[in-house]
Amino acid sequence: MVRTCEDALGDIFNGFSAQTLVEKPCVITKVINQYTVDVTYYDNNLPNTLVNVPVKHLQTNSAFIFLPLKAGDCGTIRFFDNDVTTYYDGSDMESTEERTHDINDNEFTYGFYPTTKQYIFPTGDLVIGTKDGATINMTETGITISGGDVTILGSSVNIGSNVTIDGKNFLEHVHSNGNMGANTGGVV
């Protein structure tokens, strides 16, 4: 069979594609700190290890959602189009090094799990929880906090009117002893 020009171009593009790292599934092998991990990813069915990989967290200048990471957590390793080392180091300078999808320009994003390891999430409009069962479940009808003790830290807590505790009105309740069973008219 005679090879054509199209065959040769196809081989060239396939070669570039095989060498271009874009995004790969991976697993954390070691947590360095909350912003850096070591990971193992597979490229052409061969394991590769990357160390000191930056972690992508959900954060802005004013808020965050922190999910602690452990060895064994799954996600993806992303390789950037250009050199991002000076950006990550916090420099205002743009890198002058020209490189594309280099193995050093990467980040770990958590949460991409194979189906055999996926967690069955509880239902709700917005649920924050642990696999041990503690949850904050927000729906259009209210907020439910469950799973263990709830601790509120602060110098002041404001609670609206018509609050009930175990079905009893918090602001108008009767003490069974200590106040002779009389209505207190609210918390003193």
C-alpha atoms as a PDB file:
ATOM      1  CA  MET A   1       0.000   0.000   0.000  1.00  0.00           C
ATOM      2  CA  VAL A   2       1.398   3.380  -1.000  1.00  0.00           C
ATOM      3  CA  ARG A   3       1.423   6.121   1.670  1.00  0.00           C
ATOM      4  CA  THR A   4      -0.039   9.454   0.676  1.00  0.00           C
ATOM      5  CA  CYS A   5       0.739  12.984   1.774  1.00  0.00           C
ATOM      6  CA  GLU A   6      -2.458  12.876   3.877  1.00  0.00           C
ATOM      7  CA  ASP A   7      -1.126   9.781   5.674  1.00  0.00           C
ATOM      8  CA  ALA A   8       2.129  11.590   6.495  1.00  0.00           C
ATOM      9  CA  LEU A   9       0.296  14.713   7.739  1.00  0.00           C
ATOM     10  CA  GLY A  10      -1.980  12.516   9.827  1.00  0.00           C
ATOM     11  CA  ASP A  11       1.074  10.892  11.429  1.00  0.00           C
ATOM     12  CA  ILE A  12       2.559  14.312  12.198  1.00  0.00           C
ATOM     13  CA  PHE A  13      -0.654  15.595  13.818  1.00  0.00           C
ATOM     14  CA  ASN A  14      -1.055  12.370  15.795  1.00  0.00           C
ATOM     15  CA  GLY A  15       2.518  12.768  17.021  1.00  0.00           C
ATOM     16  CA  PHE A  16       1.841  16.325  18.178  1.00  0.00           C
ATOM     17  CA  SER A  17      -1.390  15.220  19.818  1.00  0.00           C
ATOM     18  CA  ALA A  18       0.327  12.390  21.677  1.00  0.00           C
ATOM     19  CA  GLN A  19       2.935  14.830  23.045  1.00  0.00           C
ATOM     20  CA  THR A  20       0.534  17.658  23.942  1.00  0.00           C
ATOM     21  CA  LEU A  21      -0.638  17.489  27.530  1.00  0.00           C
ATOM     22  CA  VAL A  22      -4.021  19.135  28.053  1.00  0.00           C
ATOM     23  CA  GLU A  23      -5.902  17.530  30.952  1.00  0.00           C
ATOM     24  CA  LYS A  24      -5.645  14.049  32.462  1.00  0.00           C
ATOM     25  CA  PRO A  25      -7.421  12.206  35.286  1.00  0.00           C
ATOM     26  CA  CYS A  26      -5.176  11.781  38.320  1.00  0.00           C
ATOM     27  CA  VAL A  27      -5.023  10.834  41.996  1.00  0.00           C
ATOM     28  CA  ILE A  28      -3.292  12.600  44.885  1.00  0.00           C
ATOM     29  CA  THR A  29      -0.354  10.611  46.235  1.00  0.00           C
ATOM     30  CA  LYS A  30       0.761  13.159  48.837  1.00  0.00           C
ATOM     31  CA  VAL A  31      -0.631  16.386  50.272  1.00  0.00           C
ATOM     32  CA  ILE A  32       2.183  18.906  50.789  1.00  0.00           C
ATOM     33  CA  ASN A  33      -0.115  21.663  52.116  1.00  0.00           C
ATOM     34  CA  GLN A  34      -3.586  22.991  51.253  1.00  0.00           C
ATOM     35  CA  TYR A  35      -2.234  24.599  48.079  1.00  0.00           C
ATOM     36  CA  THR A  36       0.217  21.942  46.822  1.00  0.00           C
ATOM     37  CA  VAL A  37      -0.015  18.178  46.161  1.00  0.00           C
ATOM     38  CA  ASP A  38       1.877  15.361  44.457  1.00  0.00           C
ATOM     39  CA  VAL A  39      -0.213  13.416  41.903  1.00  0.00           C
ATOM     40  CA  THR A  40      -0.036  10.376  39.673  1.00  0.00           C
ATOM     41  CA  TYR A  41      -1.675  10.592  36.257  1.00  0.00           C
ATOM     42  CA  TYR A  42      -1.766   8.177  33.342  1.00  0.00           C
ATOM     43  CA  ASP A  43      -0.544   9.036  29.868  1.00  0.00           C
ATOM     44  CA  ASN A  44      -0.869   6.287  27.242  1.00  0.00           C
ATOM     45  CA  ASN A  45      -1.549   3.816  30.097  1.00  0.00           C
ATOM     46  CA  LEU A  46       1.775   4.647  31.766  1.00  0.00           C
ATOM     47  CA  PRO A  47       1.819   6.192  35.262  1.00  0.00           C
ATOM     48  CA  ASN A  48       3.555   9.562  35.654  1.00  0.00           C
ATOM     49  CA  THR A  49       4.209  11.395  38.907  1.00  0.00           C
ATOM     50  CA  LEU A  50       4.203  15.176  39.279  1.00  0.00           C
ATOM     51  CA  VAL A  51       5.335  16.877  42.489  1.00  0.00           C
ATOM     52  CA  ASN A  52       4.408  20.246  43.975  1.00  0.00           C
ATOM     53  CA  VAL A  53       1.341  20.706  41.780  1.00  0.00           C
ATOM     54  CA  PRO A  54      -0.731  23.826  42.631  1.00  0.00           C
ATOM     55  CA  VAL A  55      -4.317  23.115  43.749  1.00  0.00           C
ATOM     56  CA  LYS A  56      -7.300  24.981  42.304  1.00  0.00           C
ATOM     57  CA  HIS A  57      -9.636  25.918  45.169  1.00  0.00           C
ATOM     58  CA  LEU A  58     -12.989  27.684  45.052  1.00  0.00           C
ATOM     59  CA  GLN A  59     -12.054  31.125  46.328  1.00  0.00           C
ATOM     60  CA  THR A  60     -12.467  34.790  45.547  1.00  0.00           C
ATOM     61  CA  ASN A  61     -11.102  37.933  47.226  1.00  0.00           C
ATOM     62  CA  SER A  62     -13.995  37.816  49.696  1.00  0.00           C
ATOM     63  CA  ALA A  63     -15.137  34.206  50.092  1.00  0.00           C
ATOM     64  CA  PHE A  64     -14.097  30.557  49.852  1.00  0.00           C
ATOM     65  CA  ILE A  65     -15.284  26.970  50.106  1.00  0.00           C
ATOM     66  CA  PHE A  66     -12.523  24.810  51.568  1.00  0.00           C
ATOM     67  CA  LEU A  67     -12.493  21.065  50.986  1.00  0.00           C
ATOM     68  CA  PRO A  68      -9.564  19.381  52.751  1.00  0.00           C
ATOM     69  CA  LEU A  69      -7.560  17.046  50.517  1.00  0.00           C
ATOM     70  CA  LYS A  70      -6.191  13.581  51.335  1.00  0.00           C
ATOM     71  CA  ALA A  71      -3.981  11.099  49.529  1.00  0.00           C
ATOM     72  CA  GLY A  72      -6.266   9.010  47.305  1.00  0.00           C
ATOM     73  CA  ASP A  73      -8.535  11.914  46.316  1.00  0.00           C
ATOM     74  CA  CYS A  74      -9.225  12.016  42.589  1.00  0.00           C
ATOM     75  CA  GLY A  75      -9.328  14.912  40.164  1.00  0.00           C
ATOM     76  CA  THR A  76      -7.687  16.189  37.010  1.00  0.00           C
ATOM     77  CA  ILE A  77      -4.305  17.636  36.201  1.00  0.00           C
ATOM     78  CA  ARG A  78      -4.527  20.506  33.717  1.00  0.00           C
ATOM     79  CA  PHE A  79      -1.620  21.738  31.619  1.00  0.00           C
ATOM     80  CA  PHE A  80      -1.777  25.398  30.592  1.00  0.00           C
ATOM     81  CA  ASP A  81      -1.193  26.793  27.124  1.00  0.00           C
ATOM     82  CA  ASN A  82       1.702  28.961  28.311  1.00  0.00           C
ATOM     83  CA  ASP A  83       4.229  29.383  31.132  1.00  0.00           C
ATOM     84  CA  VAL A  84       2.367  30.286  34.353  1.00  0.00           C
ATOM     85  CA  THR A  85       5.231  30.045  36.855  1.00  0.00           C
ATOM     86  CA  THR A  86       5.592  33.816  37.335  1.00  0.00           C
ATOM     87  CA  TYR A  87       1.806  34.186  37.770  1.00  0.00           C
ATOM     88  CA  TYR A  88       1.754  31.464  40.427  1.00  0.00           C
ATOM     89  CA  ASP A  89       4.725  33.022  42.223  1.00  0.00           C
ATOM     90  CA  GLY A  90       2.786  36.305  42.426  1.00  0.00           C
ATOM     91  CA  SER A  91       5.010  38.311  40.125  1.00  0.00           C
ATOM     92  CA  ASP A  92       3.544  41.143  38.079  1.00  0.00           C
ATOM     93  CA  MET A  93       5.918  40.220  35.267  1.00  0.00           C
ATOM     94  CA  GLU A  94       4.662  38.124  32.407  1.00  0.00           C
ATOM     95  CA  SER A  95       6.923  35.230  31.603  1.00  0.00           C
ATOM     96  CA  THR A  96       9.108  35.646  28.545  1.00  0.00           C
ATOM     97  CA  GLU A  97       9.663  31.915  28.235  1.00  0.00           C
ATOM     98  CA  GLU A  98       7.796  30.421  25.307  1.00  0.00           C
ATOM     99  CA  ARG A  99       6.425  26.998  26.024  1.00  0.00           C
ATOM    100  CA  THR A 100       3.106  25.309  25.327  1.00  0.00           C
ATOM    101  CA  HIS A 101       1.410  22.677  27.492  1.00  0.00           C
ATOM    102  CA  ASP A 102       4.657  22.147  29.362  1.00  0.00           C
ATOM    103  CA  ILE A 103       4.684  19.588  32.158  1.00  0.00           C
ATOM    104  CA  ASN A 104       5.664  22.385  34.592  1.00  0.00           C
ATOM    105  CA  ASP A 105       2.607  24.546  33.861  1.00  0.00           C
ATOM    106  CA  ASN A 106      -0.128  22.630  35.631  1.00  0.00           C
ATOM    107  CA  GLU A 107      -2.789  22.656  38.330  1.00  0.00           C
ATOM    108  CA  PHE A 108      -4.811  20.013  40.195  1.00  0.00           C
ATOM    109  CA  THR A 109      -8.594  20.334  40.242  1.00  0.00           C
ATOM    110  CA  TYR A 110     -10.386  18.027  42.658  1.00  0.00           C
ATOM    111  CA  GLY A 111     -13.604  16.095  42.250  1.00  0.00           C
ATOM    112  CA  PHE A 112     -13.367  14.078  39.013  1.00  0.00           C
ATOM    113  CA  TYR A 113     -14.016  10.536  40.290  1.00  0.00           C
ATOM    114  CA  PRO A 114     -14.506   7.252  38.460  1.00  0.00           C
ATOM    115  CA  THR A 115     -18.074   5.941  38.776  1.00  0.00           C
ATOM    116  CA  THR A 116     -16.986   3.180  41.173  1.00  0.00           C
ATOM    117  CA  LYS A 117     -15.843   5.813  43.711  1.00  0.00           C
ATOM    118  CA  GLN A 118     -18.573   8.426  43.292  1.00  0.00           C
ATOM    119  CA  TYR A 119     -20.458   9.467  46.426  1.00  0.00           C
ATOM    120  CA  ILE A 120     -24.279   9.416  46.537  1.00  0.00           C
ATOM    121  CA  PHE A 121     -25.116  13.003  47.397  1.00  0.00           C
ATOM    122  CA  PRO A 122     -28.204  13.867  49.474  1.00  0.00           C
ATOM    123  CA  THR A 123     -30.961  15.798  47.705  1.00  0.00           C
ATOM    124  CA  GLY A 124     -31.502  19.520  48.135  1.00  0.00           C
ATOM    125  CA  ASP A 125     -31.063  22.798  46.325  1.00  0.00           C
ATOM    126  CA  LEU A 126     -27.676  23.392  48.001  1.00  0.00           C
ATOM    127  CA  VAL A 127     -26.071  20.785  50.254  1.00  0.00           C
ATOM    128  CA  ILE A 128     -22.773  21.082  52.091  1.00  0.00           C
ATOM    129  CA  GLY A 129     -21.775  17.976  53.973  1.00  0.00           C
ATOM    130  CA  THR A 130     -19.327  15.297  54.979  1.00  0.00           C
ATOM    131  CA  LYS A 131     -19.470  11.625  54.082  1.00  0.00           C
ATOM    132  CA  ASP A 132     -19.918  10.959  57.818  1.00  0.00           C
ATOM    133  CA  GLY A 133     -23.382  12.527  57.615  1.00  0.00           C
ATOM    134  CA  ALA A 134     -23.094  16.111  58.882  1.00  0.00           C
ATOM    135  CA  THR A 135     -24.993  18.340  56.427  1.00  0.00           C
ATOM    136  CA  ILE A 136     -26.297  21.832  55.864  1.00  0.00           C
ATOM    137  CA  ASN A 137     -29.190  21.435  53.425  1.00  0.00           C
ATOM    138  CA  MET A 138     -30.710  24.571  51.905  1.00  0.00           C
ATOM    139  CA  THR A 139     -33.974  24.398  49.991  1.00  0.00           C
ATOM    140  CA  GLU A 140     -36.572  26.984  48.968  1.00  0.00           C
ATOM    141  CA  THR A 141     -38.500  26.181  52.173  1.00  0.00           C
ATOM    142  CA  GLY A 142     -35.660  26.438  54.690  1.00  0.00           C
ATOM    143  CA  ILE A 143     -32.277  25.384  55.997  1.00  0.00           C
ATOM    144  CA  THR A 144     -31.655  22.121  57.846  1.00  0.00           C
ATOM    145  CA  ILE A 145     -28.479  21.424  59.810  1.00  0.00           C
ATOM    146  CA  SER A 146     -28.003  17.814  60.845  1.00  0.00           C
ATOM    147  CA  GLY A 147     -25.416  15.362  62.123  1.00  0.00           C
ATOM    148  CA  GLY A 148     -23.924  15.970  65.548  1.00  0.00           C
ATOM    149  CA  ASP A 149     -23.624  19.045  67.730  1.00  0.00           C
ATOM    150  CA  VAL A 150     -23.981  22.540  66.315  1.00  0.00           C
ATOM    151  CA  THR A 151     -21.686  25.170  67.800  1.00  0.00           C
ATOM    152  CA  ILE A 152     -22.117  28.869  67.119  1.00  0.00           C
ATOM    153  CA  LEU A 153     -19.134  31.030  68.009  1.00  0.00           C
ATOM    154  CA  GLY A 154     -19.569  34.747  68.368  1.00  0.00           C
ATOM    155  CA  SER A 155     -20.280  37.478  70.866  1.00  0.00           C
ATOM    156  CA  SER A 156     -23.890  37.847  69.785  1.00  0.00           C
ATOM    157  CA  VAL A 157     -26.502  35.649  68.121  1.00  0.00           C
ATOM    158  CA  ASN A 158     -29.753  37.113  66.768  1.00  0.00           C
ATOM    159  CA  ILE A 159     -32.773  34.830  66.420  1.00  0.00           C
ATOM    160  CA  GLY A 160     -36.009  36.001  64.843  1.00  0.00           C
ATOM    161  CA  SER A 161     -39.486  35.873  66.362  1.00  0.00           C
ATOM    162  CA  ASN A 162     -41.671  32.759  66.554  1.00  0.00           C
ATOM    163  CA  VAL A 163     -38.670  30.476  67.118  1.00  0.00           C
ATOM    164  CA  THR A 164     -39.566  27.038  68.409  1.00  0.00           C
ATOM    165  CA  ILE A 165     -37.347  24.532  70.208  1.00  0.00           C
ATOM    166  CA  ASP A 166     -38.719  20.979  70.321  1.00  0.00           C
ATOM    167  CA  GLY A 167     -42.102  22.374  69.284  1.00  0.00           C
ATOM    168  CA  LYS A 168     -42.250  24.932  72.109  1.00  0.00           C
ATOM    169  CA  ASN A 169     -42.344  28.675  71.425  1.00  0.00           C
ATOM    170  CA  PHE A 170     -38.961  30.002  72.534  1.00  0.00           C
ATOM    171  CA  LEU A 171     -40.191  33.502  73.458  1.00  0.00           C
ATOM    172  CA  GLU A 172     -43.282  32.398  75.432  1.00  0.00           C
ATOM    173  CA  HIS A 173     -42.831  29.207  77.373  1.00  0.00           C
ATOM    174  CA  VAL A 174     -43.610  27.727  80.779  1.00  0.00           C
ATOM    175  CA  HIS A 175     -40.946  26.405  83.148  1.00  0.00           C
ATOM    176  CA  SER A 176     -41.825  23.144  84.877  1.00  0.00           C
ATOM    177  CA  ASN A 177     -39.922  24.105  88.018  1.00  0.00           C
ATOM    178  CA  GLY A 178     -37.913  27.092  89.184  1.00  0.00           C
ATOM    179  CA  ASN A 179     -40.701  29.497  88.203  1.00  0.00           C
ATOM    180  CA  MET A 180     -43.630  27.573  89.697  1.00  0.00           C
ATOM    181  CA  GLY A 181     -44.931  26.710  86.247  1.00  0.00           C
ATOM    182  CA  ALA A 182     -45.899  30.282  85.484  1.00  0.00           C
ATOM    183  CA  ASN A 183     -45.583  31.738  82.001  1.00  0.00           C
ATOM    184  CA  THR A 184     -42.342  33.724  81.824  1.00  0.00           C
ATOM    185  CA  GLY A 185     -43.378  35.848  78.852  1.00  0.00           C
ATOM    186  CA  GLY A 186     -40.048  35.171  77.221  1.00  0.00           C
ATOM    187  CA  VAL A 187     -36.489  34.370  78.003  1.00  0.00           C
ATOM    188  CA  VAL A 188     -35.039  36.363  80.891  1.00  0.00           C
END
